[in-house]
C-alpha atoms as a PDB file:
ATOM      1  CA  MET A   1     -21.291   5.378  -0.817  1.00  0.00           C
ATOM      2  CA  LYS A   2     -19.415   8.419   0.509  1.00  0.00           C
ATOM      3  CA  ILE A   3     -15.958   8.841  -1.144  1.00  0.00           C
ATOM      4  CA  PHE A   4     -13.418  10.654   1.058  1.00  0.00           C
ATOM      5  CA  THR A   5     -10.264  12.780   0.244  1.00  0.00           C
ATOM      6  CA  THR A   6      -7.053  11.699   1.330  1.00  0.00           C
ATOM      7  CA  GLN A   7      -7.333  14.048   4.572  1.00  0.00           C
ATOM      8  CA  SER A   8     -10.984  12.816   5.502  1.00  0.00           C
ATOM      9  CA  THR A   9      -9.723   9.323   5.363  1.00  0.00           C
ATOM     10  CA  LYS A  10      -7.044  10.098   7.973  1.00  0.00           C
ATOM     11  CA  LEU A  11      -9.956  11.553  10.090  1.00  0.00           C
ATOM     12  CA  LEU A  12     -11.622   8.262   9.549  1.00  0.00           C
ATOM     13  CA  ASP A  13      -9.014   6.316  10.870  1.00  0.00           C
ATOM     14  CA  ARG A  14      -8.235   8.681  14.045  1.00  0.00           C
ATOM     15  CA  LEU A  15     -11.971   8.522  14.852  1.00  0.00           C
ATOM     16  CA  THR A  16     -12.139   4.711  14.590  1.00  0.00           C
ATOM     17  CA  ILE A  17      -9.339   4.473  16.718  1.00  0.00           C
ATOM     18  CA  GLU A  18     -11.369   6.701  19.270  1.00  0.00           C
ATOM     19  CA  TYR A  19     -14.824   5.029  19.006  1.00  0.00           C
ATOM     20  CA  GLU A  20     -13.900   1.574  18.811  1.00  0.00           C
ATOM     21  CA  PRO A  21     -11.591   1.767  20.505  1.00  0.00           C
ATOM     22  CA  VAL A  22      -8.638   0.285  18.772  1.00  0.00           C
ATOM     23  CA  SER A  23      -5.174   1.072  18.755  1.00  0.00           C
ATOM     24  CA  SER A  24      -3.246   2.357  15.565  1.00  0.00           C
ATOM     25  CA  ILE A  25      -1.009  -0.980  15.284  1.00  0.00           C
ATOM     26  CA  ASP A  26      -3.988  -3.138  15.772  1.00  0.00           C
ATOM     27  CA  LEU A  27      -5.992  -1.310  13.013  1.00  0.00           C
ATOM     28  CA  MET A  28      -3.165  -1.653  10.730  1.00  0.00           C
ATOM     29  CA  GLU A  29      -2.885  -5.468  11.476  1.00  0.00           C
ATOM     30  CA  ARG A  30      -6.500  -5.385  10.500  1.00  0.00           C
ATOM     31  CA  ALA A  31      -5.492  -3.901   7.208  1.00  0.00           C
ATOM     32  CA  ALA A  32      -2.600  -6.423   6.664  1.00  0.00           C
ATOM     33  CA  GLU A  33      -4.948  -9.513   7.680  1.00  0.00           C
ATOM     34  CA  ALA A  34      -7.233  -8.344   4.669  1.00  0.00           C
ATOM     35  CA  LEU A  35      -4.624  -7.707   2.401  1.00  0.00           C
ATOM     36  CA  THR A  36      -3.031 -11.007   3.067  1.00  0.00           C
ATOM     37  CA  SER A  37      -6.014 -13.009   2.574  1.00  0.00           C
ATOM     38  CA  GLU A  38      -6.579 -11.435  -0.865  1.00  0.00           C
ATOM     39  CA  ILE A  39      -3.004 -11.967  -1.911  1.00  0.00           C
ATOM     40  CA  CYS A  40      -3.416 -15.720  -0.958  1.00  0.00           C
ATOM     41  CA  ASN A  41      -6.223 -15.649  -3.253  1.00  0.00           C
ATOM     42  CA  THR A  42      -4.333 -14.369  -5.983  1.00  0.00           C
ATOM     43  CA  ILE A  43      -0.524 -15.624  -5.534  1.00  0.00           C
ATOM     44  CA  SER A  44       0.565 -18.990  -5.030  1.00  0.00           C
ATOM     45  CA  PRO A  45       3.018 -19.726  -2.204  1.00  0.00           C
ATOM     46  CA  SER A  46       5.433 -21.278  -4.750  1.00  0.00           C
ATOM     47  CA  GLN A  47       5.727 -17.796  -6.777  1.00  0.00           C
ATOM     48  CA  ARG A  48       8.609 -15.342  -5.846  1.00  0.00           C
ATOM     49  CA  ILE A  49       7.376 -12.465  -4.308  1.00  0.00           C
ATOM     50  CA  TYR A  50       9.115  -9.048  -3.746  1.00  0.00           C
ATOM     51  CA  ILE A  51       8.047  -6.625  -1.117  1.00  0.00           C
ATOM     52  CA  PHE A  52       8.930  -2.991  -1.469  1.00  0.00           C
ATOM     53  CA  ALA A  53       8.199  -0.958   1.806  1.00  0.00           C
ATOM     54  CA  GLY A  54       8.451   2.812   2.291  1.00  0.00           C
ATOM     55  CA  PRO A  55       9.203   4.586   5.298  1.00  0.00           C
ATOM     56  CA  GLY A  56       5.449   5.799   6.193  1.00  0.00           C
ATOM     57  CA  ASN A  57       2.221   3.674   7.075  1.00  0.00           C
ATOM     58  CA  ASN A  58       1.958   2.370   3.842  1.00  0.00           C
ATOM     59  CA  GLY A  59       5.260   0.657   4.421  1.00  0.00           C
ATOM     60  CA  GLY A  60       3.913  -0.315   7.757  1.00  0.00           C
ATOM     61  CA  ASP A  61       1.087  -2.331   5.954  1.00  0.00           C
ATOM     62  CA  ALA A  62       3.635  -3.853   3.502  1.00  0.00           C
ATOM     63  CA  LEU A  63       5.776  -5.244   6.536  1.00  0.00           C
ATOM     64  CA  ALA A  64       2.922  -6.483   8.484  1.00  0.00           C
ATOM     65  CA  THR A  65       1.600  -8.134   5.340  1.00  0.00           C
ATOM     66  CA  ALA A  66       4.937  -9.729   4.665  1.00  0.00           C
ATOM     67  CA  ARG A  67       4.850 -11.293   8.335  1.00  0.00           C
ATOM     68  CA  LEU A  68       1.475 -12.930   7.613  1.00  0.00           C
ATOM     69  CA  LEU A  69       2.248 -14.130   4.504  1.00  0.00           C
ATOM     70  CA  ILE A  70       5.399 -15.708   6.140  1.00  0.00           C
ATOM     71  CA  ASP A  71       3.024 -17.084   8.592  1.00  0.00           C
ATOM     72  CA  ARG A  72       1.192 -18.884   5.609  1.00  0.00           C
ATOM     73  CA  GLY A  73       3.962 -20.625   4.222  1.00  0.00           C
ATOM     74  CA  TYR A  74       5.042 -17.852   1.439  1.00  0.00           C
ATOM     75  CA  LYS A  75       8.632 -16.820   1.290  1.00  0.00           C
ATOM     76  CA  PRO A  76       8.814 -12.953   0.500  1.00  0.00           C
ATOM     77  CA  VAL A  77      12.000 -11.124  -0.320  1.00  0.00           C
ATOM     78  CA  VAL A  78      11.136  -7.718   1.736  1.00  0.00           C
ATOM     79  CA  TYR A  79      12.960  -4.627   1.123  1.00  0.00           C
ATOM     80  CA  LEU A  80      12.272  -1.544   3.635  1.00  0.00           C
ATOM     81  CA  PHE A  81      13.653   1.595   2.298  1.00  0.00           C
ATOM     82  CA  ASN A  82      14.421   3.699   5.410  1.00  0.00           C
ATOM     83  CA  THR A  83      16.433   6.418   3.438  1.00  0.00           C
ATOM     84  CA  MET A  84      14.434   9.566   4.677  1.00  0.00           C
ATOM     85  CA  PRO A  85      16.304  12.057   6.545  1.00  0.00           C
ATOM     86  CA  ASN A  86      17.349  10.966  10.158  1.00  0.00           C
ATOM     87  CA  HIS A  87      16.349   7.386   8.814  1.00  0.00           C
ATOM     88  CA  ARG A  88      12.960   8.221  10.472  1.00  0.00           C
ATOM     89  CA  LEU A  89      10.080   5.663   9.974  1.00  0.00           C
ATOM     90  CA  SER A  90       6.654   6.181  10.968  1.00  0.00           C
ATOM     91  CA  ALA A  91       5.703   4.693  14.425  1.00  0.00           C
ATOM     92  CA  ASP A  92       3.582   1.848  13.171  1.00  0.00           C
ATOM     93  CA  CYS A  93       6.086   1.001  10.165  1.00  0.00           C
ATOM     94  CA  GLU A  94       8.857   0.917  13.100  1.00  0.00           C
ATOM     95  CA  GLN A  95       6.854  -1.549  15.139  1.00  0.00           C
ATOM     96  CA  ASN A  96       6.090  -3.608  12.333  1.00  0.00           C
ATOM     97  CA  ARG A  97       9.954  -3.581  11.151  1.00  0.00           C
ATOM     98  CA  GLU A  98      10.431  -5.098  14.683  1.00  0.00           C
ATOM     99  CA  ARG A  99       8.080  -7.770  14.359  1.00  0.00           C
ATOM    100  CA  LEU A 100       9.138  -8.881  11.432  1.00  0.00           C
ATOM    101  CA  ARG A 101      12.624  -8.971  12.652  1.00  0.00           C
ATOM    102  CA  ARG A 102      11.519 -10.978  15.275  1.00  0.00           C
ATOM    103  CA  THR A 103      10.309 -13.781  13.060  1.00  0.00           C
ATOM    104  CA  GLY A 104      13.890 -14.581  11.823  1.00  0.00           C
ATOM    105  CA  HIS A 105      12.965 -14.400   8.278  1.00  0.00           C
ATOM    106  CA  ASN A 106      16.565 -14.336   6.353  1.00  0.00           C
ATOM    107  CA  ASP A 107      15.276 -12.300   3.235  1.00  0.00           C
ATOM    108  CA  PHE A 108      14.475  -8.947   4.999  1.00  0.00           C
ATOM    109  CA  PHE A 109      16.702  -6.208   3.870  1.00  0.00           C
ATOM    110  CA  GLU A 110      16.701  -2.796   5.251  1.00  0.00           C
ATOM    111  CA  ILE A 111      18.036  -0.090   2.825  1.00  0.00           C
ATOM    112  CA  THR A 112      19.528   2.907   4.405  1.00  0.00           C
ATOM    113  CA  ASN A 113      22.041   4.172   1.581  1.00  0.00           C
ATOM    114  CA  GLN A 114      22.829   2.194  -1.836  1.00  0.00           C
ATOM    115  CA  PHE A 115      20.372  -0.281  -3.069  1.00  0.00           C
ATOM    116  CA  THR A 116      21.016  -2.890  -5.818  1.00  0.00           C
ATOM    117  CA  PRO A 117      17.596  -4.176  -7.263  1.00  0.00           C
ATOM    118  CA  PRO A 118      17.141  -7.727  -7.247  1.00  0.00           C
ATOM    119  CA  VAL A 119      16.434  -9.495 -10.523  1.00  0.00           C
ATOM    120  CA  VAL A 120      12.873  -9.246 -11.408  1.00  0.00           C
ATOM    121  CA  ASN A 121      10.952 -10.793 -14.090  1.00  0.00           C
ATOM    122  CA  SER A 122       7.623 -11.401 -15.661  1.00  0.00           C
ATOM    123  CA  GLY A 123       6.959 -14.876 -13.458  1.00  0.00           C
ATOM    124  CA  ASP A 124       7.413 -12.896 -10.431  1.00  0.00           C
ATOM    125  CA  CYS A 125       4.977 -10.718  -7.946  1.00  0.00           C
ATOM    126  CA  VAL A 126       5.942  -7.302  -6.880  1.00  0.00           C
ATOM    127  CA  ILE A 127       4.020  -5.946  -3.967  1.00  0.00           C
ATOM    128  CA  ASP A 128       3.980  -2.230  -3.867  1.00  0.00           C
ATOM    129  CA  GLY A 129       3.954  -0.669  -0.263  1.00  0.00           C
ATOM    130  CA  LEU A 130       6.269   2.324  -1.139  1.00  0.00           C
ATOM    131  CA  PHE A 131       3.947   5.537  -0.685  1.00  0.00           C
ATOM    132  CA  GLY A 132       0.246   5.924  -0.202  1.00  0.00           C
ATOM    133  CA  ALA A 133      -2.650   8.328  -1.002  1.00  0.00           C
ATOM    134  CA  GLY A 134      -1.188  11.370   1.149  1.00  0.00           C
ATOM    135  CA  LEU A 135       1.989  11.656  -1.231  1.00  0.00           C
ATOM    136  CA  LYS A 136       2.211  15.503  -2.096  1.00  0.00           C
ATOM    137  CA  GLU A 137       5.019  15.383  -4.668  1.00  0.00           C
ATOM    138  CA  PRO A 138       5.994  13.501  -7.508  1.00  0.00           C
ATOM    139  CA  LEU A 139       8.917  10.634  -6.651  1.00  0.00           C
ATOM    140  CA  THR A 140      12.311  11.617  -7.507  1.00  0.00           C
ATOM    141  CA  GLY A 141      15.880  10.245  -7.113  1.00  0.00           C
ATOM    142  CA  GLY A 142      15.954   6.442  -5.883  1.00  0.00           C
ATOM    143  CA  PHE A 143      12.539   5.954  -5.541  1.00  0.00           C
ATOM    144  CA  ALA A 144      11.754   7.310  -9.164  1.00  0.00           C
ATOM    145  CA  SER A 145      14.340   4.756 -10.473  1.00  0.00           C
ATOM    146  CA  LEU A 146      12.849   2.103  -8.292  1.00  0.00           C
ATOM    147  CA  VAL A 147       9.565   2.659  -9.794  1.00  0.00           C
ATOM    148  CA  ARG A 148      10.872   2.586 -13.445  1.00  0.00           C
ATOM    149  CA  TYR A 149      12.667  -0.665 -12.563  1.00  0.00           C
ATOM    150  CA  ILE A 150       9.299  -2.290 -11.177  1.00  0.00           C
ATOM    151  CA  ASN A 151       7.410  -1.009 -14.126  1.00  0.00           C
ATOM    152  CA  GLU A 152       9.974  -2.562 -16.774  1.00  0.00           C
ATOM    153  CA  SER A 153      10.437  -5.890 -14.989  1.00  0.00           C
ATOM    154  CA  GLY A 154       6.770  -7.260 -16.360  1.00  0.00           C
ATOM    155  CA  ALA A 155       6.177  -8.683 -13.024  1.00  0.00           C
ATOM    156  CA  PHE A 156       2.549  -9.133 -11.913  1.00  0.00           C
ATOM    157  CA  VAL A 157       2.314  -5.808  -9.417  1.00  0.00           C
ATOM    158  CA  ILE A 158       0.037  -5.579  -6.568  1.00  0.00           C
ATOM    159  CA  SER A 159      -0.200  -1.950  -5.143  1.00  0.00           C
ATOM    160  CA  ILE A 160      -1.343  -1.392  -1.292  1.00  0.00           C
ATOM    161  CA  ASP A 161      -4.100   1.096  -0.943  1.00  0.00           C
ATOM    162  CA  ILE A 162      -2.956   3.189  -4.118  1.00  0.00           C
ATOM    163  CA  PRO A 163      -0.089   2.676  -6.512  1.00  0.00           C
ATOM    164  CA  SER A 164       2.944   4.588  -5.426  1.00  0.00           C
ATOM    165  CA  GLY A 165       3.487   7.982  -6.969  1.00  0.00           C
ATOM    166  CA  LEU A 166      -0.162   8.288  -7.716  1.00  0.00           C
ATOM    167  CA  PHE A 167      -1.751  11.268  -5.604  1.00  0.00           C
ATOM    168  CA  GLY A 168      -5.555  10.326  -3.845  1.00  0.00           C
ATOM    169  CA  GLU A 169      -7.074  13.126  -5.634  1.00  0.00           C
ATOM    170  CA  TRP A 170      -5.741  14.992  -8.612  1.00  0.00           C
ATOM    171  CA  ASN A 171      -3.099  14.156 -11.092  1.00  0.00           C
ATOM    172  CA  PRO A 172      -2.959  16.749 -13.290  1.00  0.00           C
ATOM    173  CA  GLU A 173       0.513  16.587 -14.513  1.00  0.00           C
ATOM    174  CA  ALA A 174       1.092  12.803 -13.431  1.00  0.00           C
ATOM    175  CA  SER A 175       4.643  11.476 -14.916  1.00  0.00           C
ATOM    176  CA  GLU A 176       4.145   7.813 -16.107  1.00  0.00           C
ATOM    177  CA  ASP A 177       7.649   6.887 -15.143  1.00  0.00           C
ATOM    178  CA  ARG A 178       7.041   8.104 -11.586  1.00  0.00           C
ATOM    179  CA  ILE A 179       4.145   5.957 -10.740  1.00  0.00           C
ATOM    180  CA  VAL A 180       3.991   2.154 -10.387  1.00  0.00           C
ATOM    181  CA  LYS A 181       1.874   0.692 -12.985  1.00  0.00           C
ATOM    182  CA  ALA A 182       0.012  -2.012 -10.996  1.00  0.00           C
ATOM    183  CA  ARG A 183      -2.125  -4.907 -12.255  1.00  0.00           C
ATOM    184  CA  LEU A 184      -4.233  -5.133  -9.057  1.00  0.00           C
ATOM    185  CA  THR A 185      -4.762  -2.399  -6.475  1.00  0.00           C
ATOM    186  CA  LEU A 186      -6.092  -3.284  -3.009  1.00  0.00           C
ATOM    187  CA  SER A 187      -7.455  -0.469  -1.561  1.00  0.00           C
ATOM    188  CA  PHE A 188      -9.010  -0.049   1.992  1.00  0.00           C
ATOM    189  CA  GLN A 189     -12.765   0.581   2.827  1.00  0.00           C
ATOM    190  CA  MET A 190     -13.807   2.594  -0.213  1.00  0.00           C
ATOM    191  CA  PRO A 191     -12.388   3.820  -3.228  1.00  0.00           C
ATOM    192  CA  LYS A 192     -10.115   6.899  -3.841  1.00  0.00           C
ATOM    193  CA  LEU A 193     -11.276   9.866  -5.856  1.00  0.00           C
ATOM    194  CA  ALA A 194      -8.171   9.054  -8.170  1.00  0.00           C
ATOM    195  CA  PHE A 195      -9.674   5.925  -9.051  1.00  0.00           C
ATOM    196  CA  PHE A 196     -12.373   7.679 -10.824  1.00  0.00           C
ATOM    197  CA  PHE A 197     -10.373   9.194 -13.481  1.00  0.00           C
ATOM    198  CA  ALA A 198     -10.224   7.197 -16.663  1.00  0.00           C
ATOM    199  CA  GLU A 199      -6.398   8.281 -17.215  1.00  0.00           C
ATOM    200  CA  ASN A 200      -5.187   6.723 -14.109  1.00  0.00           C
ATOM    201  CA  ALA A 201      -6.676   3.210 -14.984  1.00  0.00           C
ATOM    202  CA  LYS A 202      -3.416   2.424 -16.786  1.00  0.00           C
ATOM    203  CA  PHE A 203      -1.962   2.849 -13.032  1.00  0.00           C
ATOM    204  CA  THR A 204      -4.290   1.259 -10.782  1.00  0.00           C
ATOM    205  CA  GLY A 205      -5.126  -1.727 -13.128  1.00  0.00           C
ATOM    206  CA  GLU A 206      -7.914  -3.902 -11.573  1.00  0.00           C
ATOM    207  CA  THR A 207      -8.887  -2.454  -7.908  1.00  0.00           C
ATOM    208  CA  LYS A 208     -10.579  -4.399  -5.200  1.00  0.00           C
ATOM    209  CA  ILE A 209     -11.789  -2.578  -2.054  1.00  0.00           C
ATOM    210  CA  LEU A 210     -11.127  -4.440   1.245  1.00  0.00           C
ATOM    211  CA  ASP A 211     -13.623  -3.818   4.335  1.00  0.00           C
ATOM    212  CA  ILE A 212     -11.150  -3.061   7.403  1.00  0.00           C
ATOM    213  CA  ARG A 213     -14.179  -2.054   9.345  1.00  0.00           C
ATOM    214  CA  LEU A 214     -13.692   1.332  10.053  1.00  0.00           C
ATOM    215  CA  HIS A 215     -16.284   2.676  12.542  1.00  0.00           C
ATOM    216  CA  PRO A 216     -19.784   3.295  10.928  1.00  0.00           C
ATOM    217  CA  ARG A 217     -20.050   6.461  13.461  1.00  0.00           C
ATOM    218  CA  ALA A 218     -16.820   7.730  11.816  1.00  0.00           C
ATOM    219  CA  ILE A 219     -18.238   7.264   8.251  1.00  0.00           C
ATOM    220  CA  ALA A 220     -21.547   8.778   8.943  1.00  0.00           C
ATOM    221  CA  GLU A 221     -20.259  11.856  10.823  1.00  0.00           C
ATOM    222  CA  THR A 222     -17.275  12.503   8.547  1.00  0.00           C
ATOM    223  CA  GLU A 223     -18.737  15.026   5.697  1.00  0.00           C
ATOM    224  CA  THR A 224     -17.783  14.722   2.010  1.00  0.00           C
ATOM    225  CA  CYS A 225     -18.865  16.575  -1.120  1.00  0.00           C
ATOM    226  CA  TYR A 226     -18.271  13.149  -3.209  1.00  0.00           C
ATOM    227  CA  TYR A 227     -20.655   9.937  -3.546  1.00  0.00           C
ATOM    228  CA  LEU A 228     -20.506   6.859  -5.630  1.00  0.00           C
ATOM    229  CA  THR A 229     -24.234   6.299  -6.683  1.00  0.00           C
ATOM    230  CA  THR A 230     -25.503   3.083  -8.491  1.00  0.00           C
ATOM    231  CA  ALA A 231     -28.908   2.441 -10.295  1.00  0.00           C
ATOM    232  CA  GLU A 232     -31.468   0.290  -8.594  1.00  0.00           C
ATOM    233  CA  ASN A 233     -32.436  -2.690 -10.488  1.00  0.00           C
END
């Protein structure tokens, strides 16, 4: 199996959009459907769920997943952190915000300034959709505080694609209190390079790889220096 860097994974998405063809928002919906199916196999509708979505595509995945969970009878409390300069969301995150708004779901909150965290305890589930593998700087300020709050809550944490705060490749100076500690990480198509370092296991917890049907030609044509090999029986 090929293992790709974060930059190469972005290329895989672009090539899948071109080759299939499929729109970016529909590819995100495909990822959300895979996430929703796995979450429904893990968490019951009666469990309280808090979804924390960031301003980028990881947040878009989280918002789309929230909408699909609502369709299946779940009642998540959803927070979108639109706190970046000029309150700019990625295009797909913005579109999924509008789709979620149109559901009329009452427990959806868009945070643009001050945030008072909900009371999250060990019996709850947190779905972490704050930041993806493309993060290049350690989390600071409010996001670092939110990560600490999540980690201290004792909740069952599910991270989308990668725990927020963890870089997709190398984490030589990882600060434990700035990275979400997930119990379950649901990653797309193939593992991240970061998953192969033993010191990151305390962040990723159990990892499951979800097939979102990236185009086989895109995978075949995209070069990489990294491969996962297994012994034949």
